[in-house]
């Protein structure tokens, strides 16, 4: 039985309002050198800047926010009431927006292909969308196996992480499973009172939030202590240009996921001919538009180096500053298009709001530049992986 709870938390759909100051686009330095650097000189500078100025501060911010989320969820678990729940929901939103900025920076330990010796995919540990299942979360809530010491080691990623926490914090009193599945067929869910459900969810959420905070700290440590130096010297790659290709490939998240999965799929533009509004990224919290907008803000920072050496300077050194200007114009127009949508994405799609189609078109223009003219001019070897994050493909 699928049940979508009423929107419990109103958030501004302009992601910029939710981001820390260092996430926002920076102005150009007035003392910039007049002589344009050469392509080969820029690559080490871009790699160093990406590692230390762009990604590391964002990971530090996520580490902080996930720690605060852990505290907020523990407060709710200790004293589950409307006030503690609202505080945990608000902190979840802040933490989720912090992660959406990093979704377009799936490089190194935050990516699907890299890990330390025997390590795990830390991106999926934190956020496995679109591999999510409210039903699996409800099953775990019902049977309480999360109380076992080794519970996490036996679970698939859709049972924990930011996506599972969204369900635990925002879902209504109905469960997400079909009638024939165990918790409905054997009467286990109906046997619980609303108070039982809240208690079980809050206790499970405490375990999930603790793991999330721990993983956020681990990811930050791996980036700063292990991967960042390897990106700077390109020791994990065949050459520094291959390393730069890895950085650029992260930007293509905008094409394959922000454009296609987050908008194209619910709009019915992929396999379906009719809209599928329930396929939006955040149907319970209602922050799908904010997440899309934050992806765009993150892509802008990764492209420009957030005020330091970036792909904009790289293109200028190759005589194609016009492509940088076009990209920044298209990204800013897409961010403005997202800000124009003043209701949850699922509701906007159901209502046939033309602003959703306009947003999709603006993002498609960004995508066309990223995997078209800009990619052609850069002549980088891009390790494109279009498998669904969380799928293990």
Protein backbone atom coordinates (compact mmCIF):
# COMPACT_ATOMS: atom_id res chain seq x y z
CA UNK A 1 0.00 0.00 0.00
CA UNK A 2 1.64 3.17 -1.14
CA UNK A 3 1.03 6.23 0.94
CA UNK A 4 2.59 9.61 0.37
CA UNK A 5 2.42 11.72 3.49
CA UNK A 6 1.45 15.39 3.29
CA UNK A 7 4.39 17.71 2.89
CA UNK A 8 5.61 18.09 6.46
CA UNK A 9 8.30 20.65 5.86
CA UNK A 10 8.22 23.65 3.57
CA UNK A 11 11.61 24.58 2.17
CA UNK A 12 12.69 27.23 -0.27
CA UNK A 13 13.09 25.74 -3.71
CA UNK A 14 16.03 28.00 -4.48
CA UNK A 15 18.96 25.88 -3.38
CA UNK A 16 21.25 28.87 -3.07
CA UNK A 17 19.33 29.96 0.02
CA UNK A 18 20.22 26.67 1.70
CA UNK A 19 23.91 26.56 0.83
CA UNK A 20 26.80 27.72 3.02
CA UNK A 21 28.54 30.84 1.74
CA UNK A 22 31.53 28.98 0.28
CA UNK A 23 29.20 27.05 -2.05
CA UNK A 24 28.06 30.20 -3.83
CA UNK A 25 29.78 31.38 -7.03
CA UNK A 26 32.75 33.61 -6.33
CA UNK A 27 33.73 36.69 -8.30
CA UNK A 28 36.89 36.77 -10.35
CA UNK A 29 40.04 37.94 -8.61
CA UNK A 30 40.83 41.52 -9.61
CA UNK A 31 44.56 40.80 -9.56
CA UNK A 32 44.30 38.04 -12.14
CA UNK A 33 47.38 37.79 -14.30
CA UNK A 34 46.93 39.22 -17.76
CA UNK A 35 48.94 36.50 -19.50
CA UNK A 36 46.86 33.43 -20.32
CA UNK A 37 48.47 30.20 -19.02
CA UNK A 38 49.12 27.32 -21.38
CA UNK A 39 47.05 24.11 -21.44
CA UNK A 40 49.82 21.89 -20.03
CA UNK A 41 50.52 24.35 -17.20
CA UNK A 42 46.87 24.56 -16.21
CA UNK A 43 46.17 20.85 -15.69
CA UNK A 44 48.12 20.48 -12.39
CA UNK A 45 46.62 23.75 -11.15
CA UNK A 46 43.07 22.59 -11.96
CA UNK A 47 43.62 19.22 -10.25
CA UNK A 48 45.07 20.89 -7.16
CA UNK A 49 42.28 23.45 -7.02
CA UNK A 50 39.58 20.80 -7.49
CA UNK A 51 41.02 18.73 -4.66
CA UNK A 52 41.55 21.51 -2.12
CA UNK A 53 39.24 24.40 -2.96
CA UNK A 54 36.20 22.73 -4.54
CA UNK A 55 35.69 19.23 -3.15
CA UNK A 56 37.44 19.26 0.24
CA UNK A 57 35.39 22.17 1.72
CA UNK A 58 32.17 20.59 0.46
CA UNK A 59 33.09 17.28 2.11
CA UNK A 60 33.97 19.14 5.31
CA UNK A 61 30.55 20.79 5.24
CA UNK A 62 28.78 17.48 4.67
CA UNK A 63 30.76 15.91 7.51
CA UNK A 64 29.54 18.70 9.79
CA UNK A 65 25.91 18.52 8.63
CA UNK A 66 25.72 14.72 8.86
CA UNK A 67 27.07 14.98 12.42
CA UNK A 68 24.34 17.48 13.26
CA UNK A 69 21.78 15.17 11.66
CA UNK A 70 23.01 12.35 13.88
CA UNK A 71 22.45 14.57 16.93
CA UNK A 72 18.99 15.68 15.75
CA UNK A 73 17.83 12.12 15.06
CA UNK A 74 19.11 10.95 18.44
CA UNK A 75 17.12 13.74 20.09
CA UNK A 76 14.00 12.56 18.23
CA UNK A 77 14.67 8.94 19.20
CA UNK A 78 15.13 9.90 22.85
CA UNK A 79 11.98 12.04 23.00
CA UNK A 80 9.83 11.46 19.90
CA UNK A 81 7.45 14.40 19.58
CA UNK A 82 6.45 16.96 16.96
CA UNK A 83 9.23 19.38 17.91
CA UNK A 84 12.09 16.88 17.80
CA UNK A 85 10.74 15.37 14.59
CA UNK A 86 10.52 18.79 12.91
CA UNK A 87 14.10 19.58 13.97
CA UNK A 88 15.34 16.25 12.58
CA UNK A 89 13.44 16.82 9.32
CA UNK A 90 14.92 20.28 8.89
CA UNK A 91 18.43 19.00 9.54
CA UNK A 92 17.84 16.18 7.06
CA UNK A 93 16.94 18.78 4.42
CA UNK A 94 20.11 20.77 5.15
CA UNK A 95 22.23 17.62 5.02
CA UNK A 96 20.58 16.39 1.84
CA UNK A 97 21.17 19.72 0.08
CA UNK A 98 24.79 19.57 1.21
CA UNK A 99 25.09 16.14 -0.40
CA UNK A 100 23.33 17.17 -3.62
CA UNK A 101 26.13 19.69 -4.16
CA UNK A 102 28.55 16.75 -4.00
CA UNK A 103 26.48 14.49 -6.25
CA UNK A 104 28.10 16.16 -9.27
CA UNK A 105 31.56 15.58 -7.76
CA UNK A 106 31.67 11.78 -7.81
CA UNK A 107 35.42 11.62 -8.04
CA UNK A 108 37.75 9.33 -6.12
CA UNK A 109 36.24 7.89 -2.93
CA UNK A 110 32.93 9.67 -3.62
CA UNK A 111 32.61 7.90 -6.98
CA UNK A 112 31.33 4.51 -8.01
CA UNK A 113 34.60 3.13 -9.36
CA UNK A 114 37.23 4.07 -6.78
CA UNK A 115 37.87 2.62 -3.34
CA UNK A 116 40.72 1.90 -1.03
CA UNK A 117 42.00 -1.66 -0.76
CA UNK A 118 38.92 -3.71 -0.05
CA UNK A 119 36.93 -0.54 0.58
CA UNK A 120 33.31 0.09 -0.26
CA UNK A 121 31.54 2.57 -2.50
CA UNK A 122 31.05 5.42 -0.07
CA UNK A 123 28.69 7.29 -2.37
CA UNK A 124 26.14 4.49 -2.21
CA UNK A 125 26.67 4.13 1.53
CA UNK A 126 25.59 7.75 1.91
CA UNK A 127 22.95 8.02 -0.81
CA UNK A 128 21.93 5.13 -3.05
CA UNK A 129 19.26 6.89 -5.15
CA UNK A 130 17.71 5.86 -7.48
CA UNK A 131 18.09 2.44 -5.84
CA UNK A 132 15.61 3.09 -3.03
CA UNK A 133 12.76 1.16 -1.42
CA UNK A 134 10.36 2.50 1.16
CA UNK A 135 8.95 -1.01 1.47
CA UNK A 136 12.31 -2.47 2.51
CA UNK A 137 12.67 0.27 5.10
CA UNK A 138 9.17 -0.50 6.39
CA UNK A 139 10.02 -4.20 6.63
CA UNK A 140 13.08 -3.44 8.72
CA UNK A 141 11.05 -1.05 10.85
CA UNK A 142 8.48 -3.77 11.51
CA UNK A 143 10.77 -6.62 12.44
CA UNK A 144 13.35 -4.62 14.36
CA UNK A 145 16.41 -6.49 13.14
CA UNK A 146 18.28 -3.17 13.16
CA UNK A 147 18.75 -3.81 16.87
CA UNK A 148 21.23 -6.59 16.08
CA UNK A 149 24.94 -5.56 16.33
CA UNK A 150 25.81 -6.74 12.80
CA UNK A 151 22.59 -5.52 11.16
CA UNK A 152 24.24 -3.06 8.76
CA UNK A 153 26.77 -5.54 7.45
CA UNK A 154 23.95 -7.78 6.20
CA UNK A 155 21.90 -5.06 4.50
CA UNK A 156 21.73 -3.69 0.98
CA UNK A 157 22.22 0.05 0.56
CA UNK A 158 18.54 0.91 0.04
CA UNK A 159 17.87 0.12 3.72
CA UNK A 160 20.11 2.90 5.06
CA UNK A 161 21.59 6.23 4.01
CA UNK A 162 19.97 9.60 3.34
CA UNK A 163 17.24 8.02 1.20
CA UNK A 164 16.18 5.60 3.96
CA UNK A 165 16.25 8.45 6.47
CA UNK A 166 13.88 10.46 4.28
CA UNK A 167 11.36 7.62 4.53
CA UNK A 168 11.83 7.20 8.27
CA UNK A 169 11.43 10.93 8.93
CA UNK A 170 8.72 11.91 6.45
CA UNK A 171 6.51 8.88 5.71
CA UNK A 172 2.94 8.64 7.00
CA UNK A 173 1.52 5.85 9.11
CA UNK A 174 0.82 3.57 6.14
CA UNK A 175 3.58 1.38 4.74
CA UNK A 176 4.96 1.24 1.20
CA UNK A 177 4.58 -2.51 0.66
CA UNK A 178 1.94 -4.25 -1.48
CA UNK A 179 -0.85 -6.14 0.29
CA UNK A 180 0.61 -9.56 -0.46
CA UNK A 181 4.00 -8.83 1.10
CA UNK A 182 4.83 -10.20 4.54
CA UNK A 183 4.23 -7.23 6.84
CA UNK A 184 0.73 -6.77 5.38
CA UNK A 185 -0.13 -10.41 4.66
CA UNK A 186 0.76 -11.61 8.18
CA UNK A 187 -0.75 -8.56 9.92
CA UNK A 188 2.54 -7.43 11.49
CA UNK A 189 2.16 -3.80 10.43
CA UNK A 190 -1.48 -3.54 11.48
CA UNK A 191 -0.56 -4.98 14.86
CA UNK A 192 1.53 -1.87 15.58
CA UNK A 193 -0.06 1.31 16.89
CA UNK A 194 0.95 4.69 15.51
CA UNK A 195 3.07 5.19 18.61
CA UNK A 196 4.78 1.83 17.99
CA UNK A 197 5.56 2.83 14.41
CA UNK A 198 7.03 6.18 15.48
CA UNK A 199 9.14 4.54 18.17
CA UNK A 200 10.44 1.84 15.85
CA UNK A 201 11.20 4.33 13.08
CA UNK A 202 13.01 6.71 15.41
CA UNK A 203 15.17 3.94 16.86
CA UNK A 204 16.04 2.60 13.41
CA UNK A 205 16.72 6.14 12.22
CA UNK A 206 19.18 6.54 15.09
CA UNK A 207 21.21 3.60 13.77
CA UNK A 208 21.04 4.86 10.19
CA UNK A 209 22.05 8.42 11.13
CA UNK A 210 24.97 7.18 13.21
CA UNK A 211 26.28 5.18 10.24
CA UNK A 212 25.75 8.14 7.93
CA UNK A 213 27.77 10.48 10.14
CA UNK A 214 30.54 7.90 10.44
CA UNK A 215 30.63 7.41 6.67
CA UNK A 216 30.69 11.17 6.08
CA UNK A 217 33.74 11.44 8.31
CA UNK A 218 35.38 8.48 6.59
CA UNK A 219 34.79 9.96 3.14
CA UNK A 220 36.28 13.30 4.17
CA UNK A 221 39.33 11.58 5.67
CA UNK A 222 39.88 9.41 2.59
CA UNK A 223 39.70 12.44 0.33
CA UNK A 224 42.03 14.66 2.34
CA UNK A 225 44.56 12.08 3.51
CA UNK A 226 44.65 9.55 0.70
CA UNK A 227 42.99 10.49 -2.57
CA UNK A 228 43.70 14.22 -2.79
CA UNK A 229 47.52 13.78 -3.00
CA UNK A 230 46.98 11.05 -5.62
CA UNK A 231 44.83 13.38 -7.68
CA UNK A 232 47.43 16.14 -7.44
CA UNK A 233 50.25 13.92 -8.70
CA UNK A 234 47.92 11.84 -10.94
CA UNK A 235 49.54 8.68 -9.56
CA UNK A 236 46.30 6.70 -9.94
CA UNK A 237 46.03 7.59 -13.61
CA UNK A 238 47.97 7.05 -16.82
CA UNK A 239 48.61 10.79 -17.01
CA UNK A 240 47.48 14.10 -15.58
CA UNK A 241 45.15 14.49 -18.57
CA UNK A 242 43.47 11.22 -17.63
CA UNK A 243 43.03 12.56 -14.10
CA UNK A 244 41.47 15.72 -15.50
CA UNK A 245 39.17 13.54 -17.60
CA UNK A 246 37.99 11.89 -14.38
CA UNK A 247 37.11 15.30 -12.96
CA UNK A 248 35.28 16.35 -16.11
CA UNK A 249 33.34 13.08 -16.26
CA UNK A 250 31.75 13.95 -12.91
CA UNK A 251 30.09 16.94 -14.60
CA UNK A 252 28.19 14.58 -16.89
CA UNK A 253 25.98 13.68 -13.91
CA UNK A 254 23.94 16.67 -15.08
CA UNK A 255 23.18 14.89 -18.37
CA UNK A 256 22.54 11.35 -17.20
CA UNK A 257 20.89 11.96 -13.84
CA UNK A 258 19.77 15.55 -13.30
CA UNK A 259 18.27 15.87 -16.78
CA UNK A 260 17.19 12.29 -17.50
CA UNK A 261 16.51 10.57 -14.18
CA UNK A 262 15.36 13.50 -12.04
CA UNK A 263 13.24 15.23 -14.69
CA UNK A 264 12.98 13.16 -17.86
CA UNK A 265 11.76 10.02 -16.07
CA UNK A 266 8.94 11.61 -14.03
CA UNK A 267 7.96 13.77 -17.02
CA UNK A 268 7.51 10.60 -19.11
CA UNK A 269 10.26 11.49 -21.58
CA UNK A 270 12.28 8.27 -21.28
CA UNK A 271 10.67 4.80 -21.48
CA UNK A 272 7.18 6.10 -20.73
CA UNK A 273 4.89 8.21 -22.86
CA UNK A 274 2.94 9.51 -19.89
CA UNK A 275 4.26 11.40 -16.85
CA UNK A 276 5.21 9.30 -13.83
CA UNK A 277 5.17 11.98 -11.08
CA UNK A 278 5.74 9.45 -8.29
CA UNK A 279 9.21 8.84 -9.74
CA UNK A 280 10.53 12.20 -8.55
CA UNK A 281 13.61 12.00 -6.39
CA UNK A 282 12.07 13.24 -3.14
CA UNK A 283 8.33 12.46 -3.09
CA UNK A 284 8.03 12.61 0.71
CA UNK A 285 10.08 15.66 1.69
CA UNK A 286 9.17 17.64 -1.41
CA UNK A 287 12.67 19.02 -2.07
CA UNK A 288 13.21 17.56 -5.56
CA UNK A 289 13.52 21.00 -7.18
CA UNK A 290 16.01 22.17 -4.55
CA UNK A 291 18.11 19.06 -5.19
CA UNK A 292 18.11 19.70 -8.93
CA UNK A 293 19.06 23.33 -8.40
CA UNK A 294 21.87 22.34 -6.06
CA UNK A 295 23.25 19.90 -8.66
CA UNK A 296 23.48 22.87 -11.02
CA UNK A 297 25.20 25.06 -8.41
CA UNK A 298 27.70 22.26 -7.77
CA UNK A 299 28.38 21.78 -11.47
CA UNK A 300 29.07 25.49 -11.83
CA UNK A 301 31.61 25.36 -9.00
CA UNK A 302 33.32 22.26 -10.39
CA UNK A 303 33.49 23.77 -13.88
CA UNK A 304 34.86 27.15 -12.79
CA UNK A 305 37.05 25.90 -9.94
CA UNK A 306 34.91 28.00 -7.59
CA UNK A 307 37.08 31.06 -8.20
CA UNK A 308 40.35 29.17 -8.78
CA UNK A 309 41.72 27.42 -11.88
CA UNK A 310 38.97 25.49 -13.64
CA UNK A 311 37.72 24.33 -17.01
CA UNK A 312 36.76 27.89 -17.86
CA UNK A 313 40.44 28.91 -17.81
CA UNK A 314 41.36 25.70 -19.62
CA UNK A 315 38.99 26.55 -22.48
CA UNK A 316 40.21 30.15 -22.57
CA UNK A 317 43.79 28.93 -22.92
CA UNK A 318 42.65 26.92 -25.94
CA UNK A 319 40.96 29.92 -27.51
CA UNK A 320 37.40 28.88 -26.61
CA UNK A 321 36.38 31.27 -23.87
CA UNK A 322 33.07 31.59 -25.71
CA UNK A 323 32.15 28.04 -24.68
CA UNK A 324 32.78 28.85 -21.01
CA UNK A 325 30.59 31.92 -21.29
CA UNK A 326 27.86 29.87 -22.96
CA UNK A 327 28.03 27.19 -20.25
CA UNK A 328 27.80 29.70 -17.40
CA UNK A 329 24.91 31.47 -19.08
CA UNK A 330 23.00 28.20 -19.55
CA UNK A 331 23.66 27.04 -15.98
CA UNK A 332 22.50 30.33 -14.51
CA UNK A 333 19.36 30.24 -16.64
CA UNK A 334 18.65 26.69 -15.47
CA UNK A 335 19.09 27.74 -11.81
CA UNK A 336 16.66 30.61 -12.42
CA UNK A 337 14.20 28.20 -14.03
CA UNK A 338 14.34 25.98 -10.94
CA UNK A 339 13.76 28.96 -8.66
CA UNK A 340 10.59 29.79 -10.61
CA UNK A 341 8.91 26.53 -9.54
CA UNK A 342 7.16 27.29 -6.26
CA UNK A 343 5.68 23.88 -5.43
CA UNK A 344 6.98 20.32 -4.93
CA UNK A 345 7.99 18.76 -8.25
CA UNK A 346 5.50 15.88 -8.02
CA UNK A 347 2.61 18.34 -7.59
CA UNK A 348 3.91 20.53 -10.41
CA UNK A 349 4.04 17.56 -12.80
CA UNK A 350 0.54 16.42 -11.83
CA UNK A 351 -0.74 19.95 -12.40
CA UNK A 352 0.98 20.12 -15.79
CA UNK A 353 2.98 23.17 -14.78
CA UNK A 354 4.83 24.37 -17.93
CA UNK A 355 7.67 25.62 -15.72
CA UNK A 356 8.78 22.00 -15.23
CA UNK A 357 9.18 21.50 -18.96
CA UNK A 358 11.02 24.81 -19.16
CA UNK A 359 13.44 23.63 -16.46
CA UNK A 360 14.05 20.39 -18.34
CA UNK A 361 14.79 22.34 -21.53
CA UNK A 362 17.24 24.62 -19.74
CA UNK A 363 19.10 21.66 -18.25
CA UNK A 364 19.13 19.96 -21.64
CA UNK A 365 20.95 23.02 -22.98
CA UNK A 366 23.56 22.63 -20.23
CA UNK A 367 23.92 18.93 -21.06
CA UNK A 368 24.31 19.62 -24.76
CA UNK A 369 27.33 21.80 -24.06
CA UNK A 370 28.90 19.43 -21.55
CA UNK A 371 28.76 16.30 -23.67
CA UNK A 372 28.91 18.13 -26.99
CA UNK A 373 31.00 21.13 -28.01
CA UNK A 374 32.96 21.51 -24.76
CA UNK A 375 33.89 17.83 -24.58
CA UNK A 376 34.93 17.87 -28.23
CA UNK A 377 37.20 20.88 -27.76
CA UNK A 378 38.81 19.60 -24.56
CA UNK A 379 39.86 16.32 -26.24
CA UNK A 380 40.01 14.59 -22.86
CA UNK A 381 39.61 10.85 -22.34
CA UNK A 382 36.43 10.60 -20.30
CA UNK A 383 35.68 7.43 -18.29
CA UNK A 384 31.92 7.73 -18.77
CA UNK A 385 29.86 5.39 -16.60
CA UNK A 386 26.14 5.72 -17.24
CA UNK A 387 25.06 2.86 -14.97
CA UNK A 388 22.60 3.81 -12.28
CA UNK A 389 24.30 4.87 -9.05
CA UNK A 390 23.62 2.26 -6.43
CA UNK A 391 22.97 -0.49 -8.97
CA UNK A 392 26.40 -2.09 -8.67
CA UNK A 393 26.65 -2.17 -12.49
